[in-house]
């Protein structure tokens, strides 16, 4: 994901529009998209600030409240596969993809790898 435009540019664009220039002319003048100009004017009107919003996902996924259960479950049976964990989570009314379970285990510092049994 790219970086947000600098606050100085945002302020100059909005000030230019507030002087009476059109959004399209402001976009051409500052070499930005008309959508950016529109978004900045709306942001200034709604919040009073031109600070960029937080980028990316907030991290509050479906498994956030189930981290302790995942930790206990993998401690009790370390040979569970991601698919088996998904089935057990579905029994708890949590429908997630196996990749989400894998990422959650990684964030918790746990491994879903099966252990090799000695023969």
PDB file of N, CA and C in Angstrom:
ATOM      1  N   UNK A   1       0.849  -1.160   0.000  1.00  0.00           N
ATOM      2  CA  UNK A   1       0.000   0.000   0.000  1.00  0.00           C
ATOM      3  C   UNK A   1       0.901   1.230   0.000  1.00  0.00           C
ATOM      4  N   UNK A   2       0.539   2.228  -0.775  1.00  0.00           N
ATOM      5  CA  UNK A   2       1.333   3.436  -0.875  1.00  0.00           C
ATOM      6  C   UNK A   2       1.193   4.341   0.322  1.00  0.00           C
ATOM      7  N   UNK A   3       2.070   5.324   0.372  1.00  0.00           N
ATOM      8  CA  UNK A   3       2.030   6.294   1.463  1.00  0.00           C
ATOM      9  C   UNK A   3       0.974   7.356   1.168  1.00  0.00           C
ATOM     10  N   UNK A   4       0.392   7.928   2.209  1.00  0.00           N
ATOM     11  CA  UNK A   4      -0.572   9.010   1.993  1.00  0.00           C
ATOM     12  C   UNK A   4       0.147  10.280   1.549  1.00  0.00           C
ATOM     13  N   UNK A   5      -0.573  11.145   0.853  1.00  0.00           N
ATOM     14  CA  UNK A   5      -0.004  12.419   0.429  1.00  0.00           C
ATOM     15  C   UNK A   5       0.356  13.256   1.652  1.00  0.00           C
ATOM     16  N   UNK A   6       1.397  14.072   1.551  1.00  0.00           N
ATOM     17  CA  UNK A   6       1.797  14.899   2.699  1.00  0.00           C
ATOM     18  C   UNK A   6       0.687  15.860   3.124  1.00  0.00           C
ATOM     19  N   UNK A   7       0.673  16.171   4.406  1.00  0.00           N
ATOM     20  CA  UNK A   7      -0.354  17.055   4.955  1.00  0.00           C
ATOM     21  C   UNK A   7      -0.279  18.442   4.324  1.00  0.00           C
ATOM     22  N   UNK A   8       0.930  18.897   3.960  1.00  0.00           N
ATOM     23  CA  UNK A   8       1.083  20.213   3.335  1.00  0.00           C
ATOM     24  C   UNK A   8       0.349  20.270   1.996  1.00  0.00           C
ATOM     25  N   UNK A   9       0.472  19.219   1.205  1.00  0.00           N
ATOM     26  CA  UNK A   9      -0.226  19.165  -0.079  1.00  0.00           C
ATOM     27  C   UNK A   9      -1.733  19.144   0.142  1.00  0.00           C
ATOM     28  N   UNK A  10      -2.169  18.377   1.095  1.00  0.00           N
ATOM     29  CA  UNK A  10      -3.595  18.287   1.397  1.00  0.00           C
ATOM     30  C   UNK A  10      -4.147  19.668   1.753  1.00  0.00           C
ATOM     31  N   UNK A  11      -3.389  20.399   2.603  1.00  0.00           N
ATOM     32  CA  UNK A  11      -3.837  21.736   3.020  1.00  0.00           C
ATOM     33  C   UNK A  11      -3.873  22.697   1.842  1.00  0.00           C
ATOM     34  N   UNK A  12      -2.860  22.642   0.966  1.00  0.00           N
ATOM     35  CA  UNK A  12      -2.815  23.548  -0.180  1.00  0.00           C
ATOM     36  C   UNK A  12      -3.949  23.263  -1.157  1.00  0.00           C
ATOM     37  N   UNK A  13      -4.251  21.982  -1.368  1.00  0.00           N
ATOM     38  CA  UNK A  13      -5.331  21.610  -2.286  1.00  0.00           C
ATOM     39  C   UNK A  13      -6.672  22.126  -1.771  1.00  0.00           C
ATOM     40  N   UNK A  14      -6.950  21.907  -0.489  1.00  0.00           N
ATOM     41  CA  UNK A  14      -8.222  22.345   0.077  1.00  0.00           C
ATOM     42  C   UNK A  14      -8.307  23.869   0.073  1.00  0.00           C
ATOM     43  N   UNK A  15      -7.218  24.543   0.416  1.00  0.00           N
ATOM     44  CA  UNK A  15      -7.216  26.009   0.407  1.00  0.00           C
ATOM     45  C   UNK A  15      -7.472  26.539  -1.004  1.00  0.00           C
ATOM     46  N   UNK A  16      -6.912  25.880  -2.010  1.00  0.00           N
ATOM     47  CA  UNK A  16      -7.094  26.271  -3.405  1.00  0.00           C
ATOM     48  C   UNK A  16      -8.567  26.164  -3.795  1.00  0.00           C
ATOM     49  N   UNK A  17      -9.218  25.090  -3.374  1.00  0.00           N
ATOM     50  CA  UNK A  17     -10.634  24.892  -3.670  1.00  0.00           C
ATOM     51  C   UNK A  17     -11.479  25.913  -2.906  1.00  0.00           C
ATOM     52  N   UNK A  18     -11.098  26.179  -1.659  1.00  0.00           N
ATOM     53  CA  UNK A  18     -11.856  27.140  -0.853  1.00  0.00           C
ATOM     54  C   UNK A  18     -11.733  28.570  -1.389  1.00  0.00           C
ATOM     55  N   UNK A  19     -10.678  28.825  -2.184  1.00  0.00           N
ATOM     56  CA  UNK A  19     -10.524  30.132  -2.835  1.00  0.00           C
ATOM     57  C   UNK A  19     -11.496  30.313  -3.989  1.00  0.00           C
ATOM     58  N   UNK A  20     -12.180  29.234  -4.358  1.00  0.00           N
ATOM     59  CA  UNK A  20     -13.184  29.347  -5.405  1.00  0.00           C
ATOM     60  C   UNK A  20     -12.864  28.580  -6.672  1.00  0.00           C
ATOM     61  N   UNK A  21     -11.745  27.875  -6.705  1.00  0.00           N
ATOM     62  CA  UNK A  21     -11.384  27.093  -7.893  1.00  0.00           C
ATOM     63  C   UNK A  21     -12.150  25.769  -7.898  1.00  0.00           C
ATOM     64  N   UNK A  22     -12.337  25.229  -9.077  1.00  0.00           N
ATOM     65  CA  UNK A  22     -13.055  23.964  -9.191  1.00  0.00           C
ATOM     66  C   UNK A  22     -12.157  22.803  -8.754  1.00  0.00           C
ATOM     67  N   UNK A  23     -12.794  21.694  -8.461  1.00  0.00           N
ATOM     68  CA  UNK A  23     -12.051  20.501  -8.050  1.00  0.00           C
ATOM     69  C   UNK A  23     -11.159  20.007  -9.184  1.00  0.00           C
ATOM     70  N   UNK A  24     -11.692  20.018 -10.395  1.00  0.00           N
ATOM     71  CA  UNK A  24     -10.905  19.540 -11.538  1.00  0.00           C
ATOM     72  C   UNK A  24      -9.705  20.435 -11.812  1.00  0.00           C
ATOM     73  N   UNK A  25      -9.887  21.740 -11.691  1.00  0.00           N
ATOM     74  CA  UNK A  25      -8.767  22.654 -11.916  1.00  0.00           C
ATOM     75  C   UNK A  25      -7.715  22.474 -10.809  1.00  0.00           C
ATOM     76  N   UNK A  26      -8.171  22.250  -9.583  1.00  0.00           N
ATOM     77  CA  UNK A  26      -7.234  21.997  -8.486  1.00  0.00           C
ATOM     78  C   UNK A  26      -6.451  20.711  -8.739  1.00  0.00           C
ATOM     79  N   UNK A  27      -7.129  19.697  -9.240  1.00  0.00           N
ATOM     80  CA  UNK A  27      -6.458  18.432  -9.530  1.00  0.00           C
ATOM     81  C   UNK A  27      -5.392  18.619 -10.607  1.00  0.00           C
ATOM     82  N   UNK A  28      -5.715  19.368 -11.647  1.00  0.00           N
ATOM     83  CA  UNK A  28      -4.748  19.628 -12.716  1.00  0.00           C
ATOM     84  C   UNK A  28      -3.595  20.477 -12.188  1.00  0.00           C
ATOM     85  N   UNK A  29      -3.910  21.491 -11.414  1.00  0.00           N
ATOM     86  CA  UNK A  29      -2.901  22.412 -10.896  1.00  0.00           C
ATOM     87  C   UNK A  29      -1.892  21.703  -9.989  1.00  0.00           C
ATOM     88  N   UNK A  30      -2.373  20.817  -9.123  1.00  0.00           N
ATOM     89  CA  UNK A  30      -1.492  20.137  -8.173  1.00  0.00           C
ATOM     90  C   UNK A  30      -1.049  18.752  -8.637  1.00  0.00           C
ATOM     91  N   UNK A  31      -1.481  18.363  -9.835  1.00  0.00           N
ATOM     92  CA  UNK A  31      -1.120  17.065 -10.422  1.00  0.00           C
ATOM     93  C   UNK A  31      -1.510  15.895  -9.531  1.00  0.00           C
ATOM     94  N   UNK A  32      -2.755  15.945  -9.088  1.00  0.00           N
ATOM     95  CA  UNK A  32      -3.343  14.844  -8.338  1.00  0.00           C
ATOM     96  C   UNK A  32      -4.654  14.478  -9.026  1.00  0.00           C
ATOM     97  N   UNK A  33      -5.279  13.420  -8.573  1.00  0.00           N
ATOM     98  CA  UNK A  33      -6.528  13.000  -9.205  1.00  0.00           C
ATOM     99  C   UNK A  33      -7.694  13.845  -8.684  1.00  0.00           C
ATOM    100  N   UNK A  34      -8.725  13.998  -9.515  1.00  0.00           N
ATOM    101  CA  UNK A  34      -9.920  14.697  -9.034  1.00  0.00           C
ATOM    102  C   UNK A  34     -10.545  14.009  -7.821  1.00  0.00           C
ATOM    103  N   UNK A  35     -10.436  12.704  -7.770  1.00  0.00           N
ATOM    104  CA  UNK A  35     -10.964  11.940  -6.633  1.00  0.00           C
ATOM    105  C   UNK A  35     -10.252  12.345  -5.339  1.00  0.00           C
ATOM    106  N   UNK A  36      -8.937  12.542  -5.426  1.00  0.00           N
ATOM    107  CA  UNK A  36      -8.178  12.965  -4.246  1.00  0.00           C
ATOM    108  C   UNK A  36      -8.677  14.322  -3.754  1.00  0.00           C
ATOM    109  N   UNK A  37      -8.892  15.252  -4.681  1.00  0.00           N
ATOM    110  CA  UNK A  37      -9.379  16.584  -4.310  1.00  0.00           C
ATOM    111  C   UNK A  37     -10.751  16.458  -3.638  1.00  0.00           C
ATOM    112  N   UNK A  38     -11.642  15.689  -4.244  1.00  0.00           N
ATOM    113  CA  UNK A  38     -12.973  15.487  -3.664  1.00  0.00           C
ATOM    114  C   UNK A  38     -12.881  14.894  -2.261  1.00  0.00           C
ATOM    115  N   UNK A  39     -12.046  13.870  -2.117  1.00  0.00           N
ATOM    116  CA  UNK A  39     -11.902  13.214  -0.818  1.00  0.00           C
ATOM    117  C   UNK A  39     -11.364  14.167   0.239  1.00  0.00           C
ATOM    118  N   UNK A  40     -10.421  15.028  -0.132  1.00  0.00           N
ATOM    119  CA  UNK A  40      -9.845  15.965   0.830  1.00  0.00           C
ATOM    120  C   UNK A  40     -10.871  17.020   1.265  1.00  0.00           C
ATOM    121  N   UNK A  41     -11.659  17.504   0.316  1.00  0.00           N
ATOM    122  CA  UNK A  41     -12.682  18.495   0.652  1.00  0.00           C
ATOM    123  C   UNK A  41     -13.724  17.870   1.576  1.00  0.00           C
ATOM    124  N   UNK A  42     -14.141  16.653   1.283  1.00  0.00           N
ATOM    125  CA  UNK A  42     -15.118  15.950   2.124  1.00  0.00           C
ATOM    126  C   UNK A  42     -14.527  15.678   3.503  1.00  0.00           C
ATOM    127  N   UNK A  43     -13.272  15.236   3.560  1.00  0.00           N
ATOM    128  CA  UNK A  43     -12.610  14.954   4.837  1.00  0.00           C
ATOM    129  C   UNK A  43     -12.529  16.204   5.695  1.00  0.00           C
ATOM    130  N   UNK A  44     -12.178  17.334   5.090  1.00  0.00           N
ATOM    131  CA  UNK A  44     -12.076  18.595   5.813  1.00  0.00           C
ATOM    132  C   UNK A  44     -13.457  19.019   6.343  1.00  0.00           C
ATOM    133  N   UNK A  45     -14.483  18.842   5.510  1.00  0.00           N
ATOM    134  CA  UNK A  45     -15.842  19.229   5.899  1.00  0.00           C
ATOM    135  C   UNK A  45     -16.359  18.353   7.043  1.00  0.00           C
ATOM    136  N   UNK A  46     -16.098  17.054   6.971  1.00  0.00           N
ATOM    137  CA  UNK A  46     -16.660  16.130   7.956  1.00  0.00           C
ATOM    138  C   UNK A  46     -15.885  16.089   9.265  1.00  0.00           C
ATOM    139  N   UNK A  47     -14.559  16.152   9.197  1.00  0.00           N
ATOM    140  CA  UNK A  47     -13.755  15.981  10.414  1.00  0.00           C
ATOM    141  C   UNK A  47     -13.068  17.259  10.871  1.00  0.00           C
ATOM    142  N   UNK A  48     -12.908  18.212   9.964  1.00  0.00           N
ATOM    143  CA  UNK A  48     -12.187  19.426  10.308  1.00  0.00           C
ATOM    144  C   UNK A  48     -10.684  19.241  10.263  1.00  0.00           C
ATOM    145  N   UNK A  49     -10.245  18.065   9.905  1.00  0.00           N
ATOM    146  CA  UNK A  49      -8.823  17.747   9.855  1.00  0.00           C
ATOM    147  C   UNK A  49      -8.496  17.134   8.496  1.00  0.00           C
ATOM    148  N   UNK A  50      -7.241  17.227   8.110  1.00  0.00           N
ATOM    149  CA  UNK A  50      -6.794  16.611   6.864  1.00  0.00           C
ATOM    150  C   UNK A  50      -5.795  15.483   7.123  1.00  0.00           C
ATOM    151  N   UNK A  51      -5.722  15.049   8.360  1.00  0.00           N
ATOM    152  CA  UNK A  51      -4.806  13.960   8.703  1.00  0.00           C
ATOM    153  C   UNK A  51      -5.236  12.687   7.990  1.00  0.00           C
ATOM    154  N   UNK A  52      -4.286  11.932   7.449  1.00  0.00           N
ATOM    155  CA  UNK A  52      -4.653  10.702   6.757  1.00  0.00           C
ATOM    156  C   UNK A  52      -5.235   9.673   7.714  1.00  0.00           C
ATOM    157  N   UNK A  53      -6.169   8.887   7.196  1.00  0.00           N
ATOM    158  CA  UNK A  53      -6.766   7.823   7.988  1.00  0.00           C
ATOM    159  C   UNK A  53      -5.770   6.673   8.087  1.00  0.00           C
ATOM    160  N   UNK A  54      -5.981   5.828   9.076  1.00  0.00           N
ATOM    161  CA  UNK A  54      -5.120   4.670   9.250  1.00  0.00           C
ATOM    162  C   UNK A  54      -5.309   3.727   8.068  1.00  0.00           C
ATOM    163  N   UNK A  55      -4.197   3.240   7.535  1.00  0.00           N
ATOM    164  CA  UNK A  55      -4.274   2.321   6.407  1.00  0.00           C
ATOM    165  C   UNK A  55      -4.224   0.886   6.910  1.00  0.00           C
ATOM    166  N   UNK A  56      -4.811  -0.004   6.122  1.00  0.00           N
ATOM    167  CA  UNK A  56      -4.758  -1.419   6.436  1.00  0.00           C
ATOM    168  C   UNK A  56      -5.888  -1.878   7.330  1.00  0.00           C
ATOM    169  N   UNK A  57      -5.857  -3.132   7.635  1.00  0.00           N
ATOM    170  CA  UNK A  57      -6.895  -3.765   8.435  1.00  0.00           C
ATOM    171  C   UNK A  57      -6.595  -3.550   9.905  1.00  0.00           C
ATOM    172  N   UNK A  58      -7.636  -3.379  10.684  1.00  0.00           N
ATOM    173  CA  UNK A  58      -7.481  -3.113  12.102  1.00  0.00           C
ATOM    174  C   UNK A  58      -6.984  -4.292  12.916  1.00  0.00           C
ATOM    175  N   UNK A  59      -7.024  -5.488  12.381  1.00  0.00           N
ATOM    176  CA  UNK A  59      -6.527  -6.654  13.084  1.00  0.00           C
ATOM    177  C   UNK A  59      -7.543  -7.297  14.013  1.00  0.00           C
ATOM    178  N   UNK A  60      -8.761  -6.813  14.020  1.00  0.00           N
ATOM    179  CA  UNK A  60      -9.788  -7.405  14.869  1.00  0.00           C
ATOM    180  C   UNK A  60     -10.542  -8.443  14.053  1.00  0.00           C
ATOM    181  N   UNK A  61      -9.897  -9.563  13.808  1.00  0.00           N
ATOM    182  CA  UNK A  61     -10.494 -10.606  12.994  1.00  0.00           C
ATOM    183  C   UNK A  61     -11.429 -11.497  13.789  1.00  0.00           C
ATOM    184  N   UNK A  62     -11.951 -12.491  13.121  1.00  0.00           N
ATOM    185  CA  UNK A  62     -12.907 -13.407  13.739  1.00  0.00           C
ATOM    186  C   UNK A  62     -12.284 -14.212  14.869  1.00  0.00           C
ATOM    187  N   UNK A  63     -10.967 -14.418  14.816  1.00  0.00           N
ATOM    188  CA  UNK A  63     -10.322 -15.284  15.796  1.00  0.00           C
ATOM    189  C   UNK A  63      -9.734 -14.533  16.981  1.00  0.00           C
ATOM    190  N   UNK A  64      -9.936 -13.230  17.033  1.00  0.00           N
ATOM    191  CA  UNK A  64      -9.327 -12.441  18.107  1.00  0.00           C
ATOM    192  C   UNK A  64      -9.775 -12.917  19.491  1.00  0.00           C
ATOM    193  N   UNK A  65     -11.021 -13.221  19.651  1.00  0.00           N
ATOM    194  CA  UNK A  65     -11.522 -13.673  20.943  1.00  0.00           C
ATOM    195  C   UNK A  65     -11.266 -15.147  21.222  1.00  0.00           C
ATOM    196  N   UNK A  66     -10.691 -15.856  20.274  1.00  0.00           N
ATOM    197  CA  UNK A  66     -10.483 -17.292  20.417  1.00  0.00           C
ATOM    198  C   UNK A  66      -9.017 -17.662  20.574  1.00  0.00           C
ATOM    199  N   UNK A  67      -8.167 -16.689  20.828  1.00  0.00           N
ATOM    200  CA  UNK A  67      -6.730 -16.970  20.897  1.00  0.00           C
ATOM    201  C   UNK A  67      -6.393 -17.901  22.058  1.00  0.00           C
ATOM    202  N   UNK A  68      -7.033 -17.712  23.197  1.00  0.00           N
ATOM    203  CA  UNK A  68      -6.747 -18.582  24.347  1.00  0.00           C
ATOM    204  C   UNK A  68      -7.210 -20.012  24.066  1.00  0.00           C
ATOM    205  N   UNK A  69      -8.374 -20.143  23.398  1.00  0.00           N
ATOM    206  CA  UNK A  69      -8.861 -21.474  23.039  1.00  0.00           C
ATOM    207  C   UNK A  69      -7.890 -22.154  22.075  1.00  0.00           C
ATOM    208  N   UNK A  70      -7.385 -21.402  21.090  1.00  0.00           N
ATOM    209  CA  UNK A  70      -6.419 -21.968  20.147  1.00  0.00           C
ATOM    210  C   UNK A  70      -5.155 -22.420  20.874  1.00  0.00           C
ATOM    211  N   UNK A  71      -4.701 -21.596  21.811  1.00  0.00           N
ATOM    212  CA  UNK A  71      -3.496 -21.938  22.577  1.00  0.00           C
ATOM    213  C   UNK A  71      -3.714 -23.226  23.379  1.00  0.00           C
ATOM    214  N   UNK A  72      -4.856 -23.330  24.054  1.00  0.00           N
ATOM    215  CA  UNK A  72      -5.162 -24.525  24.841  1.00  0.00           C
ATOM    216  C   UNK A  72      -5.323 -25.753  23.960  1.00  0.00           C
ATOM    217  N   UNK A  73      -5.989 -25.571  22.827  1.00  0.00           N
ATOM    218  CA  UNK A  73      -6.264 -26.704  21.929  1.00  0.00           C
ATOM    219  C   UNK A  73      -4.986 -27.271  21.336  1.00  0.00           C
ATOM    220  N   UNK A  74      -4.077 -26.390  20.919  1.00  0.00           N
ATOM    221  CA  UNK A  74      -2.813 -26.879  20.351  1.00  0.00           C
ATOM    222  C   UNK A  74      -1.916 -27.462  21.431  1.00  0.00           C
ATOM    223  N   UNK A  75      -2.028 -26.969  22.677  1.00  0.00           N
ATOM    224  CA  UNK A  75      -1.247 -27.540  23.770  1.00  0.00           C
ATOM    225  C   UNK A  75      -1.763 -28.942  24.103  1.00  0.00           C
ATOM    226  N   UNK A  76      -3.080 -29.136  24.043  1.00  0.00           N
ATOM    227  CA  UNK A  76      -3.667 -30.431  24.357  1.00  0.00           C
ATOM    228  C   UNK A  76      -3.379 -31.456  23.264  1.00  0.00           C
ATOM    229  N   UNK A  77      -3.408 -31.025  22.015  1.00  0.00           N
ATOM    230  CA  UNK A  77      -3.167 -31.945  20.904  1.00  0.00           C
ATOM    231  C   UNK A  77      -2.367 -31.206  19.844  1.00  0.00           C
ATOM    232  N   UNK A  78      -1.086 -31.353  19.873  1.00  0.00           N
ATOM    233  CA  UNK A  78      -0.201 -30.646  18.950  1.00  0.00           C
ATOM    234  C   UNK A  78      -0.230 -31.180  17.535  1.00  0.00           C
ATOM    235  N   UNK A  79      -0.876 -32.320  17.310  1.00  0.00           N
ATOM    236  CA  UNK A  79      -0.907 -32.922  15.980  1.00  0.00           C
ATOM    237  C   UNK A  79      -2.129 -32.524  15.170  1.00  0.00           C
ATOM    238  N   UNK A  80      -2.859 -31.519  15.601  1.00  0.00           N
ATOM    239  CA  UNK A  80      -4.025 -31.055  14.847  1.00  0.00           C
ATOM    240  C   UNK A  80      -3.581 -30.341  13.576  1.00  0.00           C
ATOM    241  N   UNK A  81      -4.289 -30.573  12.510  1.00  0.00           N
ATOM    242  CA  UNK A  81      -4.019 -29.843  11.275  1.00  0.00           C
ATOM    243  C   UNK A  81      -4.870 -28.582  11.256  1.00  0.00           C
ATOM    244  N   UNK A  82      -4.561 -27.689  10.324  1.00  0.00           N
ATOM    245  CA  UNK A  82      -5.346 -26.463  10.197  1.00  0.00           C
ATOM    246  C   UNK A  82      -6.797 -26.773   9.848  1.00  0.00           C
ATOM    247  N   UNK A  83      -6.978 -27.775   8.994  1.00  0.00           N
ATOM    248  CA  UNK A  83      -8.345 -28.155   8.618  1.00  0.00           C
ATOM    249  C   UNK A  83      -9.127 -28.690   9.817  1.00  0.00           C
ATOM    250  N   UNK A  84      -8.462 -29.466  10.665  1.00  0.00           N
ATOM    251  CA  UNK A  84      -9.137 -29.983  11.859  1.00  0.00           C
ATOM    252  C   UNK A  84      -9.503 -28.846  12.810  1.00  0.00           C
ATOM    253  N   UNK A  85      -8.624 -27.866  12.936  1.00  0.00           N
ATOM    254  CA  UNK A  85      -8.934 -26.705  13.766  1.00  0.00           C
ATOM    255  C   UNK A  85     -10.111 -25.922  13.189  1.00  0.00           C
ATOM    256  N   UNK A  86     -10.171 -25.825  11.864  1.00  0.00           N
ATOM    257  CA  UNK A  86     -11.299 -25.133  11.219  1.00  0.00           C
ATOM    258  C   UNK A  86     -12.610 -25.838  11.522  1.00  0.00           C
ATOM    259  N   UNK A  87     -12.603 -27.166  11.497  1.00  0.00           N
ATOM    260  CA  UNK A  87     -13.811 -27.936  11.787  1.00  0.00           C
ATOM    261  C   UNK A  87     -14.232 -27.717  13.234  1.00  0.00           C
ATOM    262  N   UNK A  88     -13.260 -27.721  14.148  1.00  0.00           N
ATOM    263  CA  UNK A  88     -13.592 -27.498  15.555  1.00  0.00           C
ATOM    264  C   UNK A  88     -14.102 -26.075  15.782  1.00  0.00           C
ATOM    265  N   UNK A  89     -13.520 -25.119  15.085  1.00  0.00           N
ATOM    266  CA  UNK A  89     -13.991 -23.736  15.199  1.00  0.00           C
ATOM    267  C   UNK A  89     -15.397 -23.592  14.628  1.00  0.00           C
ATOM    268  N   UNK A  90     -15.701 -24.349  13.565  1.00  0.00           N
ATOM    269  CA  UNK A  90     -17.047 -24.314  12.999  1.00  0.00           C
ATOM    270  C   UNK A  90     -18.054 -24.832  14.025  1.00  0.00           C
ATOM    271  N   UNK A  91     -17.637 -25.783  14.863  1.00  0.00           N
ATOM    272  CA  UNK A  91     -18.488 -26.268  15.942  1.00  0.00           C
ATOM    273  C   UNK A  91     -18.723 -25.200  17.002  1.00  0.00           C
ATOM    274  N   UNK A  92     -17.854 -24.204  17.030  1.00  0.00           N
ATOM    275  CA  UNK A  92     -18.004 -23.074  17.960  1.00  0.00           C
ATOM    276  C   UNK A  92     -18.642 -21.882  17.253  1.00  0.00           C
ATOM    277  N   UNK A  93     -19.257 -22.118  16.094  1.00  0.00           N
ATOM    278  CA  UNK A  93     -19.930 -21.088  15.285  1.00  0.00           C
ATOM    279  C   UNK A  93     -18.983 -20.018  14.777  1.00  0.00           C
ATOM    280  N   UNK A  94     -17.747 -20.426  14.431  1.00  0.00           N
ATOM    281  CA  UNK A  94     -16.771 -19.513  13.838  1.00  0.00           C
ATOM    282  C   UNK A  94     -16.356 -20.115  12.506  1.00  0.00           C
ATOM    283  N   UNK A  95     -16.763 -19.469  11.419  1.00  0.00           N
ATOM    284  CA  UNK A  95     -16.456 -19.964  10.082  1.00  0.00           C
ATOM    285  C   UNK A  95     -15.272 -19.180   9.522  1.00  0.00           C
ATOM    286  N   UNK A  96     -14.110 -19.825   9.460  1.00  0.00           N
ATOM    287  CA  UNK A  96     -12.905 -19.164   8.957  1.00  0.00           C
ATOM    288  C   UNK A  96     -12.179 -20.092   7.994  1.00  0.00           C
ATOM    289  N   UNK A  97     -11.322 -19.498   7.193  1.00  0.00           N
ATOM    290  CA  UNK A  97     -10.496 -20.256   6.264  1.00  0.00           C
ATOM    291  C   UNK A  97      -9.257 -20.745   6.997  1.00  0.00           C
ATOM    292  N   UNK A  98      -8.684 -21.813   6.504  1.00  0.00           N
ATOM    293  CA  UNK A  98      -7.503 -22.393   7.159  1.00  0.00           C
ATOM    294  C   UNK A  98      -6.332 -21.425   7.184  1.00  0.00           C
ATOM    295  N   UNK A  99      -6.238 -20.531   6.196  1.00  0.00           N
ATOM    296  CA  UNK A  99      -5.130 -19.567   6.196  1.00  0.00           C
ATOM    297  C   UNK A  99      -5.269 -18.588   7.361  1.00  0.00           C
ATOM    298  N   UNK A 100      -6.512 -18.242   7.731  1.00  0.00           N
ATOM    299  CA  UNK A 100      -6.724 -17.369   8.887  1.00  0.00           C
ATOM    300  C   UNK A 100      -6.285 -18.054  10.174  1.00  0.00           C
ATOM    301  N   UNK A 101      -6.561 -19.337  10.273  1.00  0.00           N
ATOM    302  CA  UNK A 101      -6.140 -20.091  11.450  1.00  0.00           C
ATOM    303  C   UNK A 101      -4.616 -20.153  11.496  1.00  0.00           C
ATOM    304  N   UNK A 102      -3.991 -20.378  10.357  1.00  0.00           N
ATOM    305  CA  UNK A 102      -2.529 -20.423  10.300  1.00  0.00           C
ATOM    306  C   UNK A 102      -1.901 -19.104  10.722  1.00  0.00           C
ATOM    307  N   UNK A 103      -2.466 -17.989  10.251  1.00  0.00           N
ATOM    308  CA  UNK A 103      -1.945 -16.673  10.642  1.00  0.00           C
ATOM    309  C   UNK A 103      -2.155 -16.415  12.128  1.00  0.00           C
ATOM    310  N   UNK A 104      -3.298 -16.847  12.657  1.00  0.00           N
ATOM    311  CA  UNK A 104      -3.564 -16.656  14.090  1.00  0.00           C
ATOM    312  C   UNK A 104      -2.568 -17.447  14.926  1.00  0.00           C
ATOM    313  N   UNK A 105      -2.290 -18.683  14.519  1.00  0.00           N
ATOM    314  CA  UNK A 105      -1.307 -19.493  15.242  1.00  0.00           C
ATOM    315  C   UNK A 105       0.078 -18.861  15.162  1.00  0.00           C
ATOM    316  N   UNK A 106       0.410 -18.329  14.011  1.00  0.00           N
ATOM    317  CA  UNK A 106       1.714 -17.675  13.842  1.00  0.00           C
ATOM    318  C   UNK A 106       1.828 -16.457  14.763  1.00  0.00           C
ATOM    319  N   UNK A 107       0.755 -15.649  14.832  1.00  0.00           N
ATOM    320  CA  UNK A 107       0.762 -14.480  15.717  1.00  0.00           C
ATOM    321  C   UNK A 107       0.917 -14.885  17.176  1.00  0.00           C
ATOM    322  N   UNK A 108       0.376 -16.044  17.542  1.00  0.00           N
ATOM    323  CA  UNK A 108       0.475 -16.530  18.913  1.00  0.00           C
ATOM    324  C   UNK A 108       1.797 -17.226  19.178  1.00  0.00           C
ATOM    325  N   UNK A 109       2.607 -17.381  18.152  1.00  0.00           N
ATOM    326  CA  UNK A 109       3.895 -18.061  18.315  1.00  0.00           C
ATOM    327  C   UNK A 109       3.755 -19.564  18.390  1.00  0.00           C
ATOM    328  N   UNK A 110       2.666 -20.101  17.882  1.00  0.00           N
ATOM    329  CA  UNK A 110       2.408 -21.532  17.901  1.00  0.00           C
ATOM    330  C   UNK A 110       2.649 -22.121  16.526  1.00  0.00           C
ATOM    331  N   UNK A 111       2.821 -23.426  16.496  1.00  0.00           N
ATOM    332  CA  UNK A 111       3.048 -24.115  15.229  1.00  0.00           C
ATOM    333  C   UNK A 111       1.918 -25.106  15.001  1.00  0.00           C
ATOM    334  N   UNK A 112       1.513 -25.234  13.756  1.00  0.00           N
ATOM    335  CA  UNK A 112       0.494 -26.227  13.424  1.00  0.00           C
ATOM    336  C   UNK A 112       1.138 -27.456  12.785  1.00  0.00           C
ATOM    337  N   UNK A 113       2.461 -27.475  12.745  1.00  0.00           N
ATOM    338  CA  UNK A 113       3.155 -28.606  12.124  1.00  0.00           C
ATOM    339  C   UNK A 113       2.979 -29.867  12.977  1.00  0.00           C
ATOM    340  N   UNK A 114       2.761 -30.965  12.293  1.00  0.00           N
ATOM    341  CA  UNK A 114       2.656 -32.218  13.006  1.00  0.00           C
ATOM    342  C   UNK A 114       4.055 -32.654  13.442  1.00  0.00           C
ATOM    343  N   UNK A 115       4.129 -33.274  14.593  1.00  0.00           N
ATOM    344  CA  UNK A 115       5.416 -33.763  15.071  1.00  0.00           C
ATOM    345  C   UNK A 115       5.686 -35.122  14.447  1.00  0.00           C
ATOM    346  N   UNK A 116       6.939 -35.386  14.233  1.00  0.00           N
ATOM    347  CA  UNK A 116       7.289 -36.696  13.689  1.00  0.00           C
ATOM    348  C   UNK A 116       7.330 -37.705  14.817  1.00  0.00           C
ATOM    349  N   UNK A 117       6.714 -38.825  14.604  1.00  0.00           N
ATOM    350  CA  UNK A 117       6.707 -39.863  15.643  1.00  0.00           C
ATOM    351  C   UNK A 117       7.921 -40.759  15.463  1.00  0.00           C
ATOM    352  N   UNK A 118       8.527 -41.129  16.555  1.00  0.00           N
ATOM    353  CA  UNK A 118       9.707 -42.013  16.476  1.00  0.00           C
ATOM    354  C   UNK A 118       9.239 -43.449  16.288  1.00  0.00           C
ATOM    355  N   UNK A 119       9.900 -44.151  15.429  1.00  0.00           N
ATOM    356  CA  UNK A 119       9.498 -45.534  15.123  1.00  0.00           C
ATOM    357  C   UNK A 119      10.455 -46.509  15.698  1.00  0.00           C
TER     358      UNK A 119
END
